Amino acid sequence: MMLKSLAVVTLSLIGLGSAVAQPLPTDEERLAPEVQGPDYTARVPLEANTQEARDAALRDALVQVFERASGGGLIPAHYRDRARDWVDNFNLDRDAEGLGLRASFNPQSIDDAVADIGLPLWGARRYGADRVEVQLANVSSPERYAEVMRQLSDDRRVERVEIQSLNGTDVRLSVMVEGGRQALVDLLGSRAYADNSDNPFSQALRLELR
């Protein structure tokens, strides 16, 4: 199983005049949940034996399978409507808790959906990560820096973050991320403006904090 190895660095920004990089221990339990093995089935409660209730139960079952396959990732809303397309078979049963629906989903459909949005599949990544040099501009306070680093460390596509240098209010990072430059633009787009994201020949991706 490929475990996510993420080195989070801390930065001393007293007056934004010096930088100190310090690796922190990897929390493997948090970053790489234990996986029991591929299981594309789920059982969910069924409110009533009607077409509407069965469709709703299939969507709930798909959510369970997707989250299990991706290690806890959230399924995009537009994938929920594919439950009927991706289910191989389902049946109804009754236990002590009442009526339920048990569904088995097509493994290839689930695997492709998980990988297509950049999440680990059963604890491993389908595609390799790229190293991206990032220049963060307008880092005007330690709090702003910490927010960006926290967002990077919480994203499953990011495998490693290293600080390279500090120049005034600019911080230069080296990021190992699945999906490359575009993944970082998507991840940080809400808090930073990318002024050269469409130029693959630029030496570093420049992100200016808003």
C-alpha atoms as a PDB file:
ATOM      1  CA  MET A   1       0.000   0.000   0.000  1.00  0.00           C
ATOM      2  CA  MET A   2       1.369   3.365  -0.937  1.00  0.00           C
ATOM      3  CA  LEU A   3       1.076   5.619   2.080  1.00  0.00           C
ATOM      4  CA  LYS A   4       0.915   9.339   1.762  1.00  0.00           C
ATOM      5  CA  SER A   5       4.157  10.862   3.027  1.00  0.00           C
ATOM      6  CA  LEU A   6       3.683  14.520   3.764  1.00  0.00           C
ATOM      7  CA  ALA A   7       6.375  16.693   5.311  1.00  0.00           C
ATOM      8  CA  VAL A   8       4.730  19.810   6.673  1.00  0.00           C
ATOM      9  CA  VAL A   9       7.149  22.631   7.240  1.00  0.00           C
ATOM     10  CA  THR A  10       6.817  25.468   9.691  1.00  0.00           C
ATOM     11  CA  LEU A  11       7.951  28.971   9.020  1.00  0.00           C
ATOM     12  CA  SER A  12       9.101  31.633  11.413  1.00  0.00           C
ATOM     13  CA  LEU A  13       7.947  34.910   9.912  1.00  0.00           C
ATOM     14  CA  ILE A  14       8.983  37.411  12.545  1.00  0.00           C
ATOM     15  CA  GLY A  15       8.967  40.516  10.430  1.00  0.00           C
ATOM     16  CA  LEU A  16       9.069  38.172   7.421  1.00  0.00           C
ATOM     17  CA  GLY A  17      12.835  38.287   7.692  1.00  0.00           C
ATOM     18  CA  SER A  18      13.857  34.676   8.288  1.00  0.00           C
ATOM     19  CA  ALA A  19      12.685  31.176   7.486  1.00  0.00           C
ATOM     20  CA  VAL A  20      13.158  27.912   9.338  1.00  0.00           C
ATOM     21  CA  ALA A  21      12.104  24.586   7.831  1.00  0.00           C
ATOM     22  CA  GLN A  22      11.228  21.830  10.250  1.00  0.00           C
ATOM     23  CA  PRO A  23       9.809  18.435   9.166  1.00  0.00           C
ATOM     24  CA  LEU A  24       6.995  17.109  11.313  1.00  0.00           C
ATOM     25  CA  PRO A  25       6.204  13.404  11.840  1.00  0.00           C
ATOM     26  CA  THR A  26       3.723  11.900   9.422  1.00  0.00           C
ATOM     27  CA  ASP A  27       0.414  10.898  10.985  1.00  0.00           C
ATOM     28  CA  GLU A  28      -0.150   7.728   8.970  1.00  0.00           C
ATOM     29  CA  GLU A  29      -3.364   6.865  10.731  1.00  0.00           C
ATOM     30  CA  ARG A  30      -4.899  10.178   9.690  1.00  0.00           C
ATOM     31  CA  LEU A  31      -3.452  10.434   6.188  1.00  0.00           C
ATOM     32  CA  ALA A  32      -3.804   6.802   5.103  1.00  0.00           C
ATOM     33  CA  PRO A  33      -6.823   5.087   6.679  1.00  0.00           C
ATOM     34  CA  GLU A  34      -6.527   1.333   6.965  1.00  0.00           C
ATOM     35  CA  VAL A  35      -8.243  -0.457   4.085  1.00  0.00           C
ATOM     36  CA  GLN A  36      -9.588  -3.981   4.437  1.00  0.00           C
ATOM     37  CA  GLY A  37      -9.657  -4.669   0.687  1.00  0.00           C
ATOM     38  CA  PRO A  38     -11.801  -3.965  -2.340  1.00  0.00           C
ATOM     39  CA  ASP A  39     -15.484  -4.244  -1.504  1.00  0.00           C
ATOM     40  CA  TYR A  40     -17.941  -2.756  -3.965  1.00  0.00           C
ATOM     41  CA  THR A  41     -21.107  -3.709  -2.082  1.00  0.00           C
ATOM     42  CA  ALA A  42     -23.177  -1.835   0.483  1.00  0.00           C
ATOM     43  CA  ARG A  43     -26.397  -2.350   2.382  1.00  0.00           C
ATOM     44  CA  VAL A  44     -28.615   0.598   3.253  1.00  0.00           C
ATOM     45  CA  PRO A  45     -32.077   0.937   4.839  1.00  0.00           C
ATOM     46  CA  LEU A  46     -35.026   1.042   2.455  1.00  0.00           C
ATOM     47  CA  GLU A  47     -37.940   3.224   3.447  1.00  0.00           C
ATOM     48  CA  ALA A  48     -40.449   1.477   1.169  1.00  0.00           C
ATOM     49  CA  ASN A  49     -40.467  -0.895  -1.780  1.00  0.00           C
ATOM     50  CA  THR A  50     -41.124   1.786  -4.375  1.00  0.00           C
ATOM     51  CA  GLN A  51     -39.151   2.965  -7.394  1.00  0.00           C
ATOM     52  CA  GLU A  52     -38.390   6.308  -5.767  1.00  0.00           C
ATOM     53  CA  ALA A  53     -37.227   4.713  -2.517  1.00  0.00           C
ATOM     54  CA  ARG A  54     -35.061   2.164  -4.344  1.00  0.00           C
ATOM     55  CA  ASP A  55     -33.393   4.897  -6.404  1.00  0.00           C
ATOM     56  CA  ALA A  56     -32.653   6.877  -3.243  1.00  0.00           C
ATOM     57  CA  ALA A  57     -31.251   3.779  -1.536  1.00  0.00           C
ATOM     58  CA  LEU A  58     -29.018   3.033  -4.537  1.00  0.00           C
ATOM     59  CA  ARG A  59     -27.571   6.547  -4.322  1.00  0.00           C
ATOM     60  CA  ASP A  60     -26.904   6.068  -0.602  1.00  0.00           C
ATOM     61  CA  ALA A  61     -25.213   2.738  -1.310  1.00  0.00           C
ATOM     62  CA  LEU A  62     -23.045   4.319  -4.008  1.00  0.00           C
ATOM     63  CA  VAL A  63     -21.932   7.008  -1.550  1.00  0.00           C
ATOM     64  CA  GLN A  64     -20.828   4.317   0.913  1.00  0.00           C
ATOM     65  CA  VAL A  65     -18.867   2.364  -1.712  1.00  0.00           C
ATOM     66  CA  PHE A  66     -17.236   5.497  -3.127  1.00  0.00           C
ATOM     67  CA  GLU A  67     -16.146   6.715   0.310  1.00  0.00           C
ATOM     68  CA  ARG A  68     -14.748   3.284   1.151  1.00  0.00           C
ATOM     69  CA  ALA A  69     -12.829   2.983  -2.126  1.00  0.00           C
ATOM     70  CA  SER A  70     -11.354   6.481  -1.839  1.00  0.00           C
ATOM     71  CA  GLY A  71     -10.434   6.284   1.834  1.00  0.00           C
ATOM     72  CA  GLY A  72     -13.136   8.670   2.985  1.00  0.00           C
ATOM     73  CA  GLY A  73     -13.364  10.990  -0.005  1.00  0.00           C
ATOM     74  CA  LEU A  74     -16.609  12.820  -0.685  1.00  0.00           C
ATOM     75  CA  ILE A  75     -18.445  11.778  -3.833  1.00  0.00           C
ATOM     76  CA  PRO A  76     -19.210  14.664  -6.232  1.00  0.00           C
ATOM     77  CA  ALA A  77     -22.913  15.436  -6.573  1.00  0.00           C
ATOM     78  CA  HIS A  78     -23.036  14.569 -10.274  1.00  0.00           C
ATOM     79  CA  TYR A  79     -21.707  11.062  -9.563  1.00  0.00           C
ATOM     80  CA  ARG A  80     -24.609  10.242  -7.239  1.00  0.00           C
ATOM     81  CA  ASP A  81     -26.960  10.221 -10.201  1.00  0.00           C
ATOM     82  CA  ARG A  82     -24.900   7.450 -11.821  1.00  0.00           C
ATOM     83  CA  ALA A  83     -25.973   4.835  -9.275  1.00  0.00           C
ATOM     84  CA  ARG A  84     -28.345   3.115 -11.722  1.00  0.00           C
ATOM     85  CA  ASP A  85     -25.651   3.107 -14.411  1.00  0.00           C
ATOM     86  CA  TRP A  86     -22.909   1.712 -12.193  1.00  0.00           C
ATOM     87  CA  VAL A  87     -24.828  -0.902 -10.200  1.00  0.00           C
ATOM     88  CA  ASP A  88     -24.242  -4.499 -11.292  1.00  0.00           C
ATOM     89  CA  ASN A  89     -27.059  -5.962  -9.208  1.00  0.00           C
ATOM     90  CA  PHE A  90     -29.099  -5.316  -6.102  1.00  0.00           C
ATOM     91  CA  ASN A  91     -31.608  -7.140  -3.956  1.00  0.00           C
ATOM     92  CA  LEU A  92     -33.924  -6.451  -1.049  1.00  0.00           C
ATOM     93  CA  ASP A  93     -33.723  -8.188   2.299  1.00  0.00           C
ATOM     94  CA  ARG A  94     -35.110  -7.835   5.762  1.00  0.00           C
ATOM     95  CA  ASP A  95     -33.272  -8.099   9.064  1.00  0.00           C
ATOM     96  CA  ALA A  96     -33.873  -7.096  12.654  1.00  0.00           C
ATOM     97  CA  GLU A  97     -33.613  -3.437  11.688  1.00  0.00           C
ATOM     98  CA  GLY A  98     -36.132  -3.706   8.876  1.00  0.00           C
ATOM     99  CA  LEU A  99     -36.189  -3.622   5.092  1.00  0.00           C
ATOM    100  CA  GLY A 100     -32.903  -2.974   3.332  1.00  0.00           C
ATOM    101  CA  LEU A 101     -31.321  -2.818  -0.117  1.00  0.00           C
ATOM    102  CA  ARG A 102     -27.984  -4.490  -0.834  1.00  0.00           C
ATOM    103  CA  ALA A 103     -26.211  -3.321  -3.997  1.00  0.00           C
ATOM    104  CA  SER A 104     -23.043  -4.380  -5.819  1.00  0.00           C
ATOM    105  CA  PHE A 105     -21.420  -1.788  -8.072  1.00  0.00           C
ATOM    106  CA  ASN A 106     -19.214  -2.245 -11.112  1.00  0.00           C
ATOM    107  CA  PRO A 107     -15.595  -2.153  -9.862  1.00  0.00           C
ATOM    108  CA  GLN A 108     -14.198  -0.462 -12.983  1.00  0.00           C
ATOM    109  CA  SER A 109     -16.776   2.326 -12.831  1.00  0.00           C
ATOM    110  CA  ILE A 110     -15.984   3.038  -9.181  1.00  0.00           C
ATOM    111  CA  ASP A 111     -12.218   2.861  -9.713  1.00  0.00           C
ATOM    112  CA  ASP A 112     -12.367   5.259 -12.659  1.00  0.00           C
ATOM    113  CA  ALA A 113     -14.597   7.725 -10.804  1.00  0.00           C
ATOM    114  CA  VAL A 114     -12.289   7.804  -7.771  1.00  0.00           C
ATOM    115  CA  ALA A 115      -9.127   8.194  -9.838  1.00  0.00           C
ATOM    116  CA  ASP A 116     -10.619  10.805 -12.159  1.00  0.00           C
ATOM    117  CA  ILE A 117     -10.990  13.317  -9.321  1.00  0.00           C
ATOM    118  CA  GLY A 118      -7.494  12.623  -7.981  1.00  0.00           C
ATOM    119  CA  LEU A 119      -8.273  10.595  -4.863  1.00  0.00           C
ATOM    120  CA  PRO A 120      -6.269   7.555  -3.720  1.00  0.00           C
ATOM    121  CA  LEU A 121      -7.854   4.253  -4.781  1.00  0.00           C
ATOM    122  CA  TRP A 122      -7.912   1.630  -2.034  1.00  0.00           C
ATOM    123  CA  GLY A 123      -4.986   3.372  -0.366  1.00  0.00           C
ATOM    124  CA  ALA A 124      -2.837   3.825  -3.488  1.00  0.00           C
ATOM    125  CA  ARG A 125      -2.655   6.383  -6.269  1.00  0.00           C
ATOM    126  CA  ARG A 126      -3.276   5.436  -9.868  1.00  0.00           C
ATOM    127  CA  TYR A 127      -1.205   8.270 -11.307  1.00  0.00           C
ATOM    128  CA  GLY A 128       2.171   9.607 -10.206  1.00  0.00           C
ATOM    129  CA  ALA A 129       2.742  12.949  -8.537  1.00  0.00           C
ATOM    130  CA  ASP A 130       4.580  15.857 -10.157  1.00  0.00           C
ATOM    131  CA  ARG A 131       6.993  18.248  -8.507  1.00  0.00           C
ATOM    132  CA  VAL A 132       5.816  21.846  -8.874  1.00  0.00           C
ATOM    133  CA  GLU A 133       7.837  24.885  -7.898  1.00  0.00           C
ATOM    134  CA  VAL A 134       5.496  27.477  -6.389  1.00  0.00           C
ATOM    135  CA  GLN A 135       6.129  31.125  -5.629  1.00  0.00           C
ATOM    136  CA  LEU A 136       3.643  32.413  -3.055  1.00  0.00           C
ATOM    137  CA  ALA A 137       3.400  36.191  -3.233  1.00  0.00           C
ATOM    138  CA  ASN A 138       1.885  38.629  -0.730  1.00  0.00           C
ATOM    139  CA  VAL A 139       2.491  36.407   2.308  1.00  0.00           C
ATOM    140  CA  SER A 140       1.983  39.320   4.652  1.00  0.00           C
ATOM    141  CA  SER A 141       1.600  37.465   7.952  1.00  0.00           C
ATOM    142  CA  PRO A 142       2.361  34.129   9.627  1.00  0.00           C
ATOM    143  CA  GLU A 143      -1.388  33.484   9.780  1.00  0.00           C
ATOM    144  CA  ARG A 144      -1.776  33.705   6.005  1.00  0.00           C
ATOM    145  CA  TYR A 145       1.138  31.341   5.502  1.00  0.00           C
ATOM    146  CA  ALA A 146      -0.252  28.862   8.029  1.00  0.00           C
ATOM    147  CA  GLU A 147      -3.648  28.832   6.319  1.00  0.00           C
ATOM    148  CA  VAL A 148      -2.104  27.957   2.955  1.00  0.00           C
ATOM    149  CA  MET A 149       0.109  25.232   4.422  1.00  0.00           C
ATOM    150  CA  ARG A 150      -2.836  23.758   6.292  1.00  0.00           C
ATOM    151  CA  GLN A 151      -4.882  23.621   3.087  1.00  0.00           C
ATOM    152  CA  LEU A 152      -2.038  21.898   1.265  1.00  0.00           C
ATOM    153  CA  SER A 153      -1.453  19.353   4.015  1.00  0.00           C
ATOM    154  CA  ASP A 154      -5.150  18.444   4.217  1.00  0.00           C
ATOM    155  CA  ASP A 155      -5.498  17.652   0.509  1.00  0.00           C
ATOM    156  CA  ARG A 156      -5.010  14.015  -0.494  1.00  0.00           C
ATOM    157  CA  ARG A 157      -3.392  14.916  -3.812  1.00  0.00           C
ATOM    158  CA  VAL A 158      -0.473  16.618  -2.074  1.00  0.00           C
ATOM    159  CA  GLU A 159       2.290  14.207  -1.068  1.00  0.00           C
ATOM    160  CA  ARG A 160       5.027  16.553   0.076  1.00  0.00           C
ATOM    161  CA  VAL A 161       5.612  20.263   0.702  1.00  0.00           C
ATOM    162  CA  GLU A 162       9.060  21.777   1.180  1.00  0.00           C
ATOM    163  CA  ILE A 163      10.022  25.396   1.727  1.00  0.00           C
ATOM    164  CA  GLN A 164      12.833  26.564  -0.531  1.00  0.00           C
ATOM    165  CA  SER A 165      13.375  30.232   0.246  1.00  0.00           C
ATOM    166  CA  LEU A 166      11.898  33.456   1.590  1.00  0.00           C
ATOM    167  CA  ASN A 167      12.351  36.840  -0.039  1.00  0.00           C
ATOM    168  CA  GLY A 168      10.427  39.642   1.611  1.00  0.00           C
ATOM    169  CA  THR A 169       6.752  38.657   1.381  1.00  0.00           C
ATOM    170  CA  ASP A 170       7.407  35.933  -1.224  1.00  0.00           C
ATOM    171  CA  VAL A 171       7.757  32.299  -0.186  1.00  0.00           C
ATOM    172  CA  ARG A 172       9.059  29.678  -2.609  1.00  0.00           C
ATOM    173  CA  LEU A 173       7.802  26.115  -2.169  1.00  0.00           C
ATOM    174  CA  SER A 174       8.439  22.779  -3.805  1.00  0.00           C
ATOM    175  CA  VAL A 175       5.253  20.691  -3.877  1.00  0.00           C
ATOM    176  CA  MET A 176       4.813  17.048  -4.885  1.00  0.00           C
ATOM    177  CA  VAL A 177       1.212  16.884  -6.051  1.00  0.00           C
ATOM    178  CA  GLU A 178      -0.864  14.556  -8.180  1.00  0.00           C
ATOM    179  CA  GLY A 179      -2.292  16.584 -11.026  1.00  0.00           C
ATOM    180  CA  GLY A 180       0.615  19.022 -11.197  1.00  0.00           C
ATOM    181  CA  ARG A 181       0.207  22.775 -11.626  1.00  0.00           C
ATOM    182  CA  GLN A 182      -3.499  22.656 -12.394  1.00  0.00           C
ATOM    183  CA  ALA A 183      -4.229  20.725  -9.194  1.00  0.00           C
ATOM    184  CA  LEU A 184      -2.570  23.480  -7.148  1.00  0.00           C
ATOM    185  CA  VAL A 185      -4.482  26.192  -9.005  1.00  0.00           C
ATOM    186  CA  ASP A 186      -7.742  24.367  -8.301  1.00  0.00           C
ATOM    187  CA  LEU A 187      -6.805  23.814  -4.658  1.00  0.00           C
ATOM    188  CA  LEU A 188      -5.677  27.343  -3.833  1.00  0.00           C
ATOM    189  CA  GLY A 189      -7.829  29.281  -6.292  1.00  0.00           C
ATOM    190  CA  SER A 190     -10.167  30.520  -3.574  1.00  0.00           C
ATOM    191  CA  ARG A 191      -7.380  32.332  -1.745  1.00  0.00           C
ATOM    192  CA  ALA A 192      -4.766  33.042  -4.420  1.00  0.00           C
ATOM    193  CA  TYR A 193      -4.590  34.414  -7.953  1.00  0.00           C
ATOM    194  CA  ALA A 194      -2.449  32.402 -10.382  1.00  0.00           C
ATOM    195  CA  ASP A 195      -0.932  34.762 -12.917  1.00  0.00           C
ATOM    196  CA  ASN A 196       0.970  32.171 -14.984  1.00  0.00           C
ATOM    197  CA  SER A 197      -0.927  28.894 -14.509  1.00  0.00           C
ATOM    198  CA  ASP A 198      -1.424  28.482 -18.259  1.00  0.00           C
ATOM    199  CA  ASN A 199       2.304  28.745 -19.030  1.00  0.00           C
ATOM    200  CA  PRO A 200       3.886  25.290 -18.579  1.00  0.00           C
ATOM    201  CA  PHE A 201       7.305  26.702 -19.531  1.00  0.00           C
ATOM    202  CA  SER A 202       7.371  29.158 -16.640  1.00  0.00           C
ATOM    203  CA  GLN A 203       9.957  28.112 -14.085  1.00  0.00           C
ATOM    204  CA  ALA A 204       7.591  28.404 -11.122  1.00  0.00           C
ATOM    205  CA  LEU A 205       3.857  28.660 -10.604  1.00  0.00           C
ATOM    206  CA  ARG A 206       3.231  32.136  -9.154  1.00  0.00           C
ATOM    207  CA  LEU A 207       0.308  32.406  -6.748  1.00  0.00           C
ATOM    208  CA  GLU A 208      -0.502  35.791  -5.265  1.00  0.00           C
ATOM    209  CA  LEU A 209      -2.539  35.636  -2.065  1.00  0.00           C
ATOM    210  CA  ARG A 210      -5.684  37.732  -2.190  1.00  0.00           C
END
